[in-house]
Amino acid sequence: MLLFLATFFVLFLIFGGRILIVSPGNTFADLGFVFLGDEVRISHIASLLKKNQIRKIAYVECSPLAMNKEAVNANNIEKSLFLDVFKSYGVPDTALVKISGLSLSTKEEVVFLSRFLQKHGTGQSITLVSSPYQSRRISIMANKFLNYEHRPYSIQFSYPEENRHNAYLWWNNSKTAKTVLSEYAKIIFYLTYDQFIEPK
């Protein structure tokens, strides 16, 4: 038993961070969707637009109720979003798609995106911009909410360079370790409870 636990612990240290990260894609997509977080995601998705790797940028506005203490920081996207941060990166109004709704969670962002696609449709491919360690959880949610039999979407992820870390040494940095362990807790919560709660 001790040998099993020790082996599991070692394997988790080696692969725990890497398992959370969905390999990014680099093909053209009809729509880019950014999950709100730090401002580097906005900068990154704006660069994808400028490189003609996506046709439009979509986002769901974050509810003020979801803001944490870090939201007072000028670099936090929940605050800077209201300061036309997209425009500051040269994104024209015609390239922006603001999806109706005030999200309180990542799940709600996925749900609002799903409802938008069901109602309006936007091509057949989507690039999701998030943090690398968040991508596995988003992928699990996307398999449920974005997997339409009548209209399948090709989904890929893309990450800002600033958010890319050595996934095999995630435990060597306290902030990264906290992020990784938090993501596993969120995945467990989603799989055991949250996925069975009908979104409003």
N, C-alpha and C. Protein backbone atom coordinates (compact mmCIF):
# COMPACT_ATOMS: atom_id res chain seq x y z
N MET A 1 0.82 -1.20 0.00
CA MET A 1 0.00 0.00 0.00
C MET A 1 0.86 1.26 0.00
N LEU A 2 1.88 1.24 0.87
CA LEU A 2 2.78 2.39 0.93
C LEU A 2 3.52 2.58 -0.39
N LEU A 3 3.91 1.46 -1.01
CA LEU A 3 4.59 1.53 -2.30
C LEU A 3 3.67 2.12 -3.36
N PHE A 4 2.41 1.73 -3.35
CA PHE A 4 1.43 2.26 -4.29
C PHE A 4 1.26 3.76 -4.10
N LEU A 5 1.11 4.19 -2.85
CA LEU A 5 0.93 5.61 -2.56
C LEU A 5 2.16 6.42 -2.96
N ALA A 6 3.33 5.86 -2.68
CA ALA A 6 4.57 6.55 -3.03
C ALA A 6 4.70 6.68 -4.56
N THR A 7 4.34 5.60 -5.27
CA THR A 7 4.41 5.62 -6.73
C THR A 7 3.42 6.63 -7.29
N PHE A 8 2.21 6.62 -6.74
CA PHE A 8 1.18 7.57 -7.18
C PHE A 8 1.64 9.00 -6.95
N PHE A 9 2.23 9.26 -5.79
CA PHE A 9 2.70 10.60 -5.45
C PHE A 9 3.77 11.07 -6.42
N VAL A 10 4.71 10.20 -6.72
CA VAL A 10 5.80 10.55 -7.64
C VAL A 10 5.24 10.82 -9.04
N LEU A 11 4.35 9.96 -9.50
CA LEU A 11 3.76 10.13 -10.83
C LEU A 11 2.93 11.42 -10.89
N PHE A 12 2.26 11.73 -9.80
CA PHE A 12 1.47 12.96 -9.76
C PHE A 12 2.37 14.18 -9.83
N LEU A 13 3.50 14.12 -9.15
CA LEU A 13 4.45 15.23 -9.21
C LEU A 13 4.99 15.42 -10.63
N ILE A 14 5.20 14.30 -11.32
CA ILE A 14 5.77 14.37 -12.67
C ILE A 14 4.74 14.80 -13.71
N PHE A 15 3.55 14.19 -13.65
CA PHE A 15 2.56 14.39 -14.72
C PHE A 15 1.33 15.19 -14.30
N GLY A 16 1.22 15.52 -13.02
CA GLY A 16 0.01 16.21 -12.54
C GLY A 16 -0.30 17.49 -13.26
N GLY A 17 0.72 18.31 -13.52
CA GLY A 17 0.50 19.57 -14.22
C GLY A 17 0.21 19.36 -15.70
N ARG A 18 0.96 18.42 -16.30
CA ARG A 18 0.83 18.20 -17.74
C ARG A 18 -0.53 17.66 -18.12
N ILE A 19 -1.12 16.82 -17.28
CA ILE A 19 -2.43 16.24 -17.57
C ILE A 19 -3.50 17.31 -17.72
N LEU A 20 -3.35 18.42 -16.99
CA LEU A 20 -4.35 19.48 -17.02
C LEU A 20 -4.33 20.27 -18.33
N ILE A 21 -3.24 20.19 -19.06
CA ILE A 21 -3.07 21.07 -20.23
C ILE A 21 -3.45 20.35 -21.52
N VAL A 22 -4.42 20.92 -22.22
CA VAL A 22 -4.80 20.42 -23.54
C VAL A 22 -3.83 21.01 -24.55
N SER A 23 -3.28 20.18 -25.41
CA SER A 23 -2.31 20.66 -26.40
C SER A 23 -2.94 21.75 -27.27
N PRO A 24 -2.27 22.89 -27.42
CA PRO A 24 -2.83 23.98 -28.20
C PRO A 24 -2.81 23.70 -29.70
N GLY A 25 -3.71 24.36 -30.41
CA GLY A 25 -3.74 24.25 -31.87
C GLY A 25 -3.32 25.56 -32.49
N ASN A 26 -3.05 25.56 -33.77
CA ASN A 26 -2.62 26.80 -34.43
C ASN A 26 -3.25 26.95 -35.82
N THR A 27 -4.42 26.32 -36.02
CA THR A 27 -5.10 26.46 -37.30
C THR A 27 -6.11 27.60 -37.23
N PHE A 28 -6.56 28.05 -38.38
CA PHE A 28 -7.54 29.14 -38.43
C PHE A 28 -8.85 28.70 -37.81
N ALA A 29 -9.52 29.64 -37.11
CA ALA A 29 -10.83 29.37 -36.53
C ALA A 29 -11.78 30.51 -36.86
N ASP A 30 -13.05 30.17 -37.04
CA ASP A 30 -14.04 31.20 -37.35
C ASP A 30 -14.26 32.15 -36.18
N LEU A 31 -14.15 31.62 -34.97
CA LEU A 31 -14.42 32.43 -33.78
C LEU A 31 -13.37 32.17 -32.71
N GLY A 32 -12.94 33.24 -32.07
CA GLY A 32 -12.08 33.12 -30.90
C GLY A 32 -12.89 33.51 -29.67
N PHE A 33 -12.82 32.71 -28.62
CA PHE A 33 -13.55 33.01 -27.39
C PHE A 33 -12.55 33.11 -26.25
N VAL A 34 -12.61 34.21 -25.52
CA VAL A 34 -11.66 34.42 -24.43
C VAL A 34 -12.37 34.28 -23.09
N PHE A 35 -11.79 33.44 -22.22
CA PHE A 35 -12.28 33.30 -20.86
C PHE A 35 -11.65 34.41 -20.02
N LEU A 36 -12.49 35.14 -19.31
CA LEU A 36 -11.99 36.30 -18.61
C LEU A 36 -11.07 35.89 -17.46
N GLY A 37 -10.02 36.64 -17.33
CA GLY A 37 -9.02 36.34 -16.30
C GLY A 37 -8.06 37.51 -16.25
N ASP A 38 -6.82 37.30 -16.63
CA ASP A 38 -5.87 38.41 -16.66
C ASP A 38 -5.83 39.03 -18.06
N GLU A 39 -5.25 40.21 -18.12
CA GLU A 39 -5.27 40.98 -19.35
C GLU A 39 -4.44 40.37 -20.47
N VAL A 40 -3.48 39.53 -20.13
CA VAL A 40 -2.64 38.94 -21.18
C VAL A 40 -3.47 38.07 -22.13
N ARG A 41 -4.61 37.57 -21.65
CA ARG A 41 -5.47 36.78 -22.54
C ARG A 41 -6.08 37.67 -23.62
N ILE A 42 -6.45 38.89 -23.23
CA ILE A 42 -7.00 39.84 -24.22
C ILE A 42 -5.92 40.19 -25.23
N SER A 43 -4.72 40.46 -24.73
CA SER A 43 -3.61 40.77 -25.62
C SER A 43 -3.35 39.62 -26.59
N HIS A 44 -3.43 38.39 -26.07
CA HIS A 44 -3.15 37.22 -26.91
C HIS A 44 -4.21 37.03 -27.97
N ILE A 45 -5.48 37.12 -27.59
CA ILE A 45 -6.53 36.89 -28.58
C ILE A 45 -6.56 38.01 -29.61
N ALA A 46 -6.17 39.22 -29.20
CA ALA A 46 -6.05 40.33 -30.15
C ALA A 46 -4.95 40.04 -31.17
N SER A 47 -3.87 39.43 -30.71
CA SER A 47 -2.78 39.09 -31.64
C SER A 47 -3.21 38.01 -32.62
N LEU A 48 -4.07 37.07 -32.17
CA LEU A 48 -4.59 36.05 -33.08
C LEU A 48 -5.44 36.68 -34.17
N LEU A 49 -6.20 37.70 -33.79
CA LEU A 49 -7.04 38.40 -34.77
C LEU A 49 -6.16 39.12 -35.79
N LYS A 50 -5.12 39.78 -35.31
CA LYS A 50 -4.23 40.53 -36.20
C LYS A 50 -3.47 39.60 -37.15
N LYS A 51 -3.22 38.38 -36.70
CA LYS A 51 -2.51 37.39 -37.54
C LYS A 51 -3.48 36.62 -38.44
N ASN A 52 -4.76 37.04 -38.40
CA ASN A 52 -5.80 36.37 -39.20
C ASN A 52 -5.96 34.89 -38.85
N GLN A 53 -5.74 34.55 -37.58
CA GLN A 53 -5.94 33.17 -37.14
C GLN A 53 -7.35 32.95 -36.62
N ILE A 54 -8.08 34.04 -36.39
CA ILE A 54 -9.50 33.98 -36.03
C ILE A 54 -10.21 35.12 -36.77
N ARG A 55 -11.51 34.96 -36.96
CA ARG A 55 -12.27 35.97 -37.68
C ARG A 55 -12.94 36.97 -36.73
N LYS A 56 -13.39 36.49 -35.59
CA LYS A 56 -14.09 37.33 -34.61
C LYS A 56 -13.63 36.97 -33.21
N ILE A 57 -13.83 37.90 -32.27
CA ILE A 57 -13.54 37.67 -30.86
C ILE A 57 -14.83 37.74 -30.07
N ALA A 58 -15.13 36.69 -29.31
CA ALA A 58 -16.33 36.67 -28.48
C ALA A 58 -15.95 36.56 -27.02
N TYR A 59 -16.78 37.13 -26.16
CA TYR A 59 -16.56 37.04 -24.72
C TYR A 59 -17.87 37.23 -23.99
N VAL A 60 -17.92 36.76 -22.76
CA VAL A 60 -19.06 36.99 -21.88
C VAL A 60 -18.59 37.89 -20.76
N GLU A 61 -19.35 38.92 -20.49
CA GLU A 61 -18.94 39.84 -19.44
C GLU A 61 -19.04 39.18 -18.07
N CYS A 62 -18.06 39.44 -17.23
CA CYS A 62 -18.04 38.85 -15.89
C CYS A 62 -18.93 39.65 -14.95
N SER A 63 -19.73 38.95 -14.14
CA SER A 63 -20.57 39.62 -13.16
C SER A 63 -19.71 40.24 -12.06
N PRO A 64 -20.07 41.44 -11.61
CA PRO A 64 -19.33 42.05 -10.50
C PRO A 64 -19.32 41.16 -9.26
N LEU A 65 -20.35 40.28 -9.12
CA LEU A 65 -20.41 39.39 -7.96
C LEU A 65 -19.30 38.36 -7.97
N ALA A 66 -18.70 38.15 -9.17
CA ALA A 66 -17.64 37.14 -9.28
C ALA A 66 -16.27 37.72 -9.00
N MET A 67 -16.20 39.04 -8.82
CA MET A 67 -14.91 39.67 -8.62
C MET A 67 -14.35 39.32 -7.26
N ASN A 68 -13.05 39.08 -7.21
CA ASN A 68 -12.38 38.85 -5.94
C ASN A 68 -11.50 40.05 -5.61
N LYS A 69 -10.71 39.95 -4.58
CA LYS A 69 -9.90 41.09 -4.17
C LYS A 69 -8.93 41.54 -5.26
N GLU A 70 -8.49 40.61 -6.10
CA GLU A 70 -7.55 40.96 -7.14
C GLU A 70 -8.19 41.83 -8.21
N ALA A 71 -9.53 41.89 -8.22
CA ALA A 71 -10.23 42.64 -9.25
C ALA A 71 -9.97 44.14 -9.15
N VAL A 72 -9.47 44.60 -8.00
CA VAL A 72 -9.18 46.02 -7.87
C VAL A 72 -7.89 46.38 -8.58
N ASN A 73 -7.12 45.37 -8.94
CA ASN A 73 -5.86 45.60 -9.64
C ASN A 73 -6.15 46.03 -11.07
N ALA A 74 -5.49 47.07 -11.54
CA ALA A 74 -5.75 47.60 -12.88
C ALA A 74 -5.43 46.59 -13.97
N ASN A 75 -4.61 45.58 -13.65
CA ASN A 75 -4.28 44.57 -14.65
C ASN A 75 -5.33 43.47 -14.73
N ASN A 76 -6.32 43.51 -13.85
CA ASN A 76 -7.34 42.47 -13.87
C ASN A 76 -8.37 42.77 -14.93
N ILE A 77 -8.70 41.76 -15.73
CA ILE A 77 -9.56 41.99 -16.88
C ILE A 77 -10.97 42.39 -16.50
N GLU A 78 -11.49 41.93 -15.33
CA GLU A 78 -12.84 42.28 -14.95
C GLU A 78 -12.99 43.79 -14.78
N LYS A 79 -11.90 44.44 -14.39
CA LYS A 79 -11.97 45.89 -14.25
C LYS A 79 -11.62 46.57 -15.56
N SER A 80 -10.52 46.15 -16.17
CA SER A 80 -10.05 46.84 -17.37
C SER A 80 -10.97 46.61 -18.56
N LEU A 81 -11.83 45.59 -18.48
CA LEU A 81 -12.77 45.33 -19.56
C LEU A 81 -13.64 46.54 -19.80
N PHE A 82 -14.03 47.22 -18.73
CA PHE A 82 -14.90 48.38 -18.83
C PHE A 82 -14.14 49.60 -19.32
N LEU A 83 -12.85 49.51 -19.47
CA LEU A 83 -12.03 50.62 -19.96
C LEU A 83 -11.63 50.41 -21.41
N ASP A 84 -12.49 49.67 -22.12
CA ASP A 84 -12.26 49.42 -23.55
C ASP A 84 -10.90 48.79 -23.81
N VAL A 85 -10.59 47.76 -23.01
CA VAL A 85 -9.29 47.13 -23.15
C VAL A 85 -9.11 46.50 -24.53
N PHE A 86 -10.20 46.01 -25.10
CA PHE A 86 -10.09 45.43 -26.44
C PHE A 86 -9.61 46.48 -27.44
N LYS A 87 -10.18 47.66 -27.35
CA LYS A 87 -9.81 48.74 -28.28
C LYS A 87 -8.36 49.16 -28.07
N SER A 88 -7.91 49.09 -26.82
CA SER A 88 -6.52 49.49 -26.55
C SER A 88 -5.52 48.57 -27.24
N TYR A 89 -5.99 47.37 -27.62
CA TYR A 89 -5.13 46.43 -28.35
C TYR A 89 -5.45 46.44 -29.84
N GLY A 90 -6.19 47.45 -30.27
CA GLY A 90 -6.44 47.62 -31.69
C GLY A 90 -7.54 46.74 -32.26
N VAL A 91 -8.42 46.22 -31.40
CA VAL A 91 -9.51 45.37 -31.88
C VAL A 91 -10.69 46.26 -32.27
N PRO A 92 -11.11 46.25 -33.53
CA PRO A 92 -12.24 47.09 -33.95
C PRO A 92 -13.57 46.54 -33.43
N ASP A 93 -14.55 47.43 -33.29
CA ASP A 93 -15.88 47.03 -32.81
C ASP A 93 -16.49 45.94 -33.68
N THR A 94 -16.22 46.00 -34.97
CA THR A 94 -16.81 45.04 -35.90
C THR A 94 -16.30 43.61 -35.69
N ALA A 95 -15.18 43.48 -34.97
CA ALA A 95 -14.60 42.15 -34.73
C ALA A 95 -15.00 41.58 -33.38
N LEU A 96 -15.75 42.37 -32.57
CA LEU A 96 -16.11 41.95 -31.23
C LEU A 96 -17.54 41.40 -31.17
N VAL A 97 -17.70 40.32 -30.46
CA VAL A 97 -19.02 39.74 -30.23
C VAL A 97 -19.20 39.61 -28.71
N LYS A 98 -20.02 40.50 -28.16
CA LYS A 98 -20.30 40.45 -26.72
C LYS A 98 -21.51 39.57 -26.51
N ILE A 99 -21.32 38.43 -25.87
CA ILE A 99 -22.40 37.48 -25.64
C ILE A 99 -23.18 37.88 -24.39
N SER A 100 -24.49 37.94 -24.52
CA SER A 100 -25.35 38.38 -23.43
C SER A 100 -25.21 37.48 -22.20
N GLY A 101 -25.19 38.12 -21.04
CA GLY A 101 -25.11 37.38 -19.79
C GLY A 101 -24.00 37.91 -18.91
N LEU A 102 -24.15 37.75 -17.62
CA LEU A 102 -23.12 38.11 -16.65
C LEU A 102 -22.69 36.81 -15.96
N SER A 103 -21.52 36.34 -16.29
CA SER A 103 -21.09 35.03 -15.79
C SER A 103 -20.51 35.13 -14.38
N LEU A 104 -20.80 34.10 -13.60
CA LEU A 104 -20.25 33.98 -12.26
C LEU A 104 -19.17 32.92 -12.20
N SER A 105 -19.02 32.15 -13.28
CA SER A 105 -18.08 31.03 -13.26
C SER A 105 -17.66 30.66 -14.67
N THR A 106 -16.64 29.82 -14.76
CA THR A 106 -16.19 29.30 -16.05
C THR A 106 -17.30 28.50 -16.72
N LYS A 107 -18.00 27.71 -15.92
CA LYS A 107 -19.11 26.92 -16.47
C LYS A 107 -20.14 27.82 -17.14
N GLU A 108 -20.49 28.94 -16.50
CA GLU A 108 -21.48 29.84 -17.07
C GLU A 108 -20.96 30.47 -18.36
N GLU A 109 -19.67 30.75 -18.44
CA GLU A 109 -19.12 31.26 -19.69
C GLU A 109 -19.31 30.25 -20.82
N VAL A 110 -19.05 28.97 -20.53
CA VAL A 110 -19.23 27.91 -21.52
C VAL A 110 -20.70 27.79 -21.90
N VAL A 111 -21.59 27.87 -20.91
CA VAL A 111 -23.03 27.75 -21.17
C VAL A 111 -23.52 28.91 -22.02
N PHE A 112 -23.11 30.14 -21.70
CA PHE A 112 -23.53 31.30 -22.48
C PHE A 112 -22.99 31.21 -23.92
N LEU A 113 -21.76 30.71 -24.07
CA LEU A 113 -21.20 30.51 -25.40
C LEU A 113 -22.03 29.48 -26.16
N SER A 114 -22.39 28.40 -25.49
CA SER A 114 -23.19 27.35 -26.11
C SER A 114 -24.53 27.88 -26.60
N ARG A 115 -25.19 28.65 -25.78
CA ARG A 115 -26.49 29.21 -26.15
C ARG A 115 -26.36 30.16 -27.33
N PHE A 116 -25.28 30.92 -27.33
CA PHE A 116 -25.05 31.85 -28.44
C PHE A 116 -24.85 31.08 -29.74
N LEU A 117 -24.05 30.04 -29.70
CA LEU A 117 -23.77 29.26 -30.91
C LEU A 117 -25.03 28.54 -31.41
N GLN A 118 -25.84 28.06 -30.47
CA GLN A 118 -27.07 27.38 -30.87
C GLN A 118 -28.03 28.34 -31.56
N LYS A 119 -28.04 29.58 -31.09
CA LYS A 119 -28.97 30.57 -31.64
C LYS A 119 -28.46 31.21 -32.91
N HIS A 120 -27.17 31.54 -32.93
CA HIS A 120 -26.63 32.31 -34.05
C HIS A 120 -25.72 31.50 -34.96
N GLY A 121 -24.97 30.57 -34.37
CA GLY A 121 -24.01 29.82 -35.18
C GLY A 121 -22.90 30.74 -35.65
N THR A 122 -21.70 30.28 -35.63
CA THR A 122 -20.56 31.10 -36.09
C THR A 122 -19.53 30.18 -36.71
N GLY A 123 -19.74 29.81 -37.96
CA GLY A 123 -18.79 28.93 -38.62
C GLY A 123 -18.79 27.54 -38.02
N GLN A 124 -17.66 26.90 -38.09
CA GLN A 124 -17.54 25.52 -37.61
C GLN A 124 -16.34 25.29 -36.71
N SER A 125 -15.58 26.34 -36.42
CA SER A 125 -14.37 26.16 -35.62
C SER A 125 -14.23 27.28 -34.59
N ILE A 126 -13.70 26.92 -33.42
CA ILE A 126 -13.55 27.87 -32.31
C ILE A 126 -12.18 27.70 -31.69
N THR A 127 -11.53 28.83 -31.41
CA THR A 127 -10.31 28.82 -30.63
C THR A 127 -10.63 29.37 -29.25
N LEU A 128 -10.37 28.59 -28.22
CA LEU A 128 -10.63 29.00 -26.84
C LEU A 128 -9.33 29.50 -26.21
N VAL A 129 -9.36 30.71 -25.70
CA VAL A 129 -8.18 31.30 -25.06
C VAL A 129 -8.40 31.30 -23.54
N SER A 130 -7.55 30.59 -22.85
CA SER A 130 -7.65 30.49 -21.39
C SER A 130 -6.24 30.34 -20.84
N SER A 131 -6.15 30.03 -19.56
CA SER A 131 -4.84 29.66 -19.01
C SER A 131 -4.63 28.17 -19.30
N PRO A 132 -3.39 27.73 -19.46
CA PRO A 132 -3.14 26.32 -19.79
C PRO A 132 -3.74 25.35 -18.78
N TYR A 133 -3.56 25.63 -17.49
CA TYR A 133 -4.02 24.68 -16.47
C TYR A 133 -5.54 24.63 -16.37
N GLN A 134 -6.23 25.63 -16.91
CA GLN A 134 -7.69 25.67 -16.89
C GLN A 134 -8.28 24.88 -18.05
N SER A 135 -7.46 24.56 -19.03
CA SER A 135 -7.98 24.03 -20.30
C SER A 135 -8.61 22.64 -20.17
N ARG A 136 -8.10 21.78 -19.30
CA ARG A 136 -8.69 20.44 -19.17
C ARG A 136 -10.12 20.53 -18.63
N ARG A 137 -10.32 21.40 -17.65
CA ARG A 137 -11.66 21.57 -17.08
C ARG A 137 -12.61 22.16 -18.13
N ILE A 138 -12.12 23.13 -18.88
CA ILE A 138 -12.95 23.72 -19.93
C ILE A 138 -13.27 22.69 -21.01
N SER A 139 -12.29 21.86 -21.34
CA SER A 139 -12.50 20.83 -22.35
C SER A 139 -13.60 19.85 -21.92
N ILE A 140 -13.59 19.48 -20.64
CA ILE A 140 -14.63 18.59 -20.12
C ILE A 140 -16.00 19.23 -20.24
N MET A 141 -16.08 20.53 -19.92
CA MET A 141 -17.35 21.25 -20.03
C MET A 141 -17.77 21.39 -21.49
N ALA A 142 -16.80 21.68 -22.35
CA ALA A 142 -17.11 21.86 -23.77
C ALA A 142 -17.65 20.58 -24.38
N ASN A 143 -17.15 19.43 -23.93
CA ASN A 143 -17.66 18.16 -24.44
C ASN A 143 -19.14 17.97 -24.15
N LYS A 144 -19.61 18.60 -23.08
CA LYS A 144 -21.03 18.49 -22.73
C LYS A 144 -21.86 19.58 -23.40
N PHE A 145 -21.39 20.82 -23.34
CA PHE A 145 -22.22 21.94 -23.78
C PHE A 145 -21.99 22.37 -25.23
N LEU A 146 -20.87 21.99 -25.82
CA LEU A 146 -20.58 22.42 -27.19
C LEU A 146 -20.54 21.26 -28.17
N ASN A 147 -20.95 20.10 -27.73
CA ASN A 147 -20.90 18.91 -28.59
C ASN A 147 -22.28 18.67 -29.22
N TYR A 148 -22.57 19.43 -30.30
CA TYR A 148 -23.86 19.32 -30.96
C TYR A 148 -23.79 18.27 -32.07
N GLU A 149 -24.71 17.33 -32.02
CA GLU A 149 -24.72 16.29 -33.05
C GLU A 149 -25.05 16.86 -34.42
N HIS A 150 -25.95 17.87 -34.44
CA HIS A 150 -26.38 18.42 -35.72
C HIS A 150 -25.41 19.45 -36.28
N ARG A 151 -24.53 19.97 -35.40
CA ARG A 151 -23.58 20.99 -35.85
C ARG A 151 -22.29 20.85 -35.06
N PRO A 152 -21.45 19.92 -35.41
CA PRO A 152 -20.21 19.71 -34.66
C PRO A 152 -19.23 20.87 -34.85
N TYR A 153 -18.60 21.27 -33.77
CA TYR A 153 -17.60 22.34 -33.83
C TYR A 153 -16.21 21.76 -33.61
N SER A 154 -15.27 22.28 -34.36
CA SER A 154 -13.88 21.94 -34.15
C SER A 154 -13.33 22.92 -33.12
N ILE A 155 -12.86 22.39 -32.00
CA ILE A 155 -12.41 23.24 -30.90
C ILE A 155 -10.92 23.06 -30.65
N GLN A 156 -10.22 24.16 -30.50
CA GLN A 156 -8.80 24.12 -30.15
C GLN A 156 -8.52 25.18 -29.10
N PHE A 157 -7.41 25.04 -28.41
CA PHE A 157 -7.02 25.99 -27.38
C PHE A 157 -5.80 26.79 -27.83
N SER A 158 -5.67 27.97 -27.25
CA SER A 158 -4.49 28.80 -27.49
C SER A 158 -4.19 29.54 -26.20
N TYR A 159 -2.90 29.65 -25.87
CA TYR A 159 -2.51 30.24 -24.59
C TYR A 159 -1.52 31.39 -24.79
N PRO A 160 -1.64 32.42 -23.94
CA PRO A 160 -0.63 33.49 -23.97
C PRO A 160 0.74 32.94 -23.58
N GLU A 161 1.76 33.47 -24.18
CA GLU A 161 3.13 33.03 -23.89
C GLU A 161 3.45 33.21 -22.41
N GLU A 162 2.91 34.29 -21.82
CA GLU A 162 3.19 34.58 -20.42
C GLU A 162 2.61 33.53 -19.48
N ASN A 163 1.59 32.79 -19.96
CA ASN A 163 0.93 31.80 -19.11
C ASN A 163 1.52 30.40 -19.26
N ARG A 164 2.53 30.27 -20.10
CA ARG A 164 3.09 28.94 -20.33
C ARG A 164 4.22 28.67 -19.34
N HIS A 165 4.06 27.62 -18.61
CA HIS A 165 5.04 27.26 -17.59
C HIS A 165 5.54 25.84 -17.85
N ASN A 166 6.58 25.47 -17.15
CA ASN A 166 7.08 24.11 -17.24
C ASN A 166 6.13 23.21 -16.45
N ALA A 167 5.27 22.50 -17.18
CA ALA A 167 4.23 21.71 -16.52
C ALA A 167 4.80 20.55 -15.72
N TYR A 168 6.05 20.17 -15.99
CA TYR A 168 6.64 19.05 -15.26
C TYR A 168 7.27 19.51 -13.94
N LEU A 169 7.39 20.81 -13.76
CA LEU A 169 7.95 21.36 -12.52
C LEU A 169 6.93 22.26 -11.82
N TRP A 170 5.65 21.95 -12.00
CA TRP A 170 4.59 22.77 -11.43
C TRP A 170 4.71 22.88 -9.90
N TRP A 171 5.19 21.83 -9.27
CA TRP A 171 5.28 21.79 -7.82
C TRP A 171 6.42 22.64 -7.27
N ASN A 172 7.27 23.14 -8.16
CA ASN A 172 8.45 23.89 -7.75
C ASN A 172 8.15 25.37 -7.52
N ASN A 173 6.91 25.79 -7.82
CA ASN A 173 6.51 27.18 -7.65
C ASN A 173 5.21 27.20 -6.85
N SER A 174 5.19 27.91 -5.75
CA SER A 174 4.03 27.86 -4.85
C SER A 174 2.75 28.35 -5.52
N LYS A 175 2.84 29.39 -6.34
CA LYS A 175 1.66 29.92 -7.01
C LYS A 175 1.13 28.92 -8.03
N THR A 176 2.04 28.32 -8.80
CA THR A 176 1.63 27.32 -9.80
C THR A 176 1.07 26.08 -9.12
N ALA A 177 1.70 25.65 -8.03
CA ALA A 177 1.22 24.47 -7.29
C ALA A 177 -0.19 24.71 -6.78
N LYS A 178 -0.45 25.91 -6.28
CA LYS A 178 -1.78 26.25 -5.80
C LYS A 178 -2.79 26.20 -6.93
N THR A 179 -2.39 26.71 -8.11
CA THR A 179 -3.27 26.70 -9.28
C THR A 179 -3.60 25.28 -9.71
N VAL A 180 -2.58 24.43 -9.78
CA VAL A 180 -2.78 23.04 -10.22
C VAL A 180 -3.70 22.30 -9.26
N LEU A 181 -3.42 22.38 -7.97
CA LEU A 181 -4.25 21.68 -6.99
C LEU A 181 -5.67 22.22 -6.98
N SER A 182 -5.80 23.52 -7.18
CA SER A 182 -7.13 24.13 -7.25
C SER A 182 -7.91 23.61 -8.45
N GLU A 183 -7.23 23.45 -9.58
CA GLU A 183 -7.90 22.94 -10.78
C GLU A 183 -8.39 21.52 -10.59
N TYR A 184 -7.60 20.69 -9.94
CA TYR A 184 -8.05 19.32 -9.67
C TYR A 184 -9.28 19.33 -8.77
N ALA A 185 -9.29 20.22 -7.78
CA ALA A 185 -10.44 20.32 -6.89
C ALA A 185 -11.67 20.78 -7.66
N LYS A 186 -11.49 21.71 -8.58
CA LYS A 186 -12.62 22.22 -9.39
C LYS A 186 -13.14 21.15 -10.35
N ILE A 187 -12.24 20.36 -10.90
CA ILE A 187 -12.66 19.27 -11.80
C ILE A 187 -13.47 18.24 -11.02
N ILE A 188 -13.00 17.87 -9.84
CA ILE A 188 -13.72 16.91 -9.01
C ILE A 188 -15.10 17.46 -8.64
N PHE A 189 -15.15 18.75 -8.28
CA PHE A 189 -16.43 19.38 -7.93
C PHE A 189 -17.37 19.37 -9.12
N TYR A 190 -16.84 19.67 -10.30
CA TYR A 190 -17.69 19.70 -11.50
C TYR A 190 -18.21 18.30 -11.83
N LEU A 191 -17.34 17.30 -11.81
CA LEU A 191 -17.73 15.95 -12.20
C LEU A 191 -18.69 15.29 -11.20
N THR A 192 -18.53 15.62 -9.93
CA THR A 192 -19.35 14.97 -8.91
C THR A 192 -20.61 15.74 -8.55
N TYR A 193 -20.66 17.04 -8.91
CA TYR A 193 -21.82 17.84 -8.49
C TYR A 193 -22.29 18.84 -9.54
N ASP A 194 -21.39 19.74 -9.93
CA ASP A 194 -21.81 20.89 -10.72
C ASP A 194 -22.37 20.53 -12.10
N GLN A 195 -21.89 19.46 -12.69
CA GLN A 195 -22.38 19.11 -14.03
C GLN A 195 -23.85 18.67 -14.00
N PHE A 196 -24.34 18.30 -12.83
CA PHE A 196 -25.73 17.86 -12.72
C PHE A 196 -26.67 19.01 -12.37
N ILE A 197 -26.12 20.19 -12.14
CA ILE A 197 -26.93 21.37 -11.85
C ILE A 197 -27.28 22.06 -13.16
N GLU A 198 -28.56 22.19 -13.44
CA GLU A 198 -28.99 22.83 -14.69
C GLU A 198 -28.65 24.31 -14.66
N PRO A 199 -27.96 24.80 -15.69
CA PRO A 199 -27.64 26.23 -15.75
C PRO A 199 -28.90 27.07 -15.93
N LYS A 200 -28.88 28.26 -15.39
CA LYS A 200 -30.06 29.15 -15.49
C LYS A 200 -30.14 29.76 -16.88
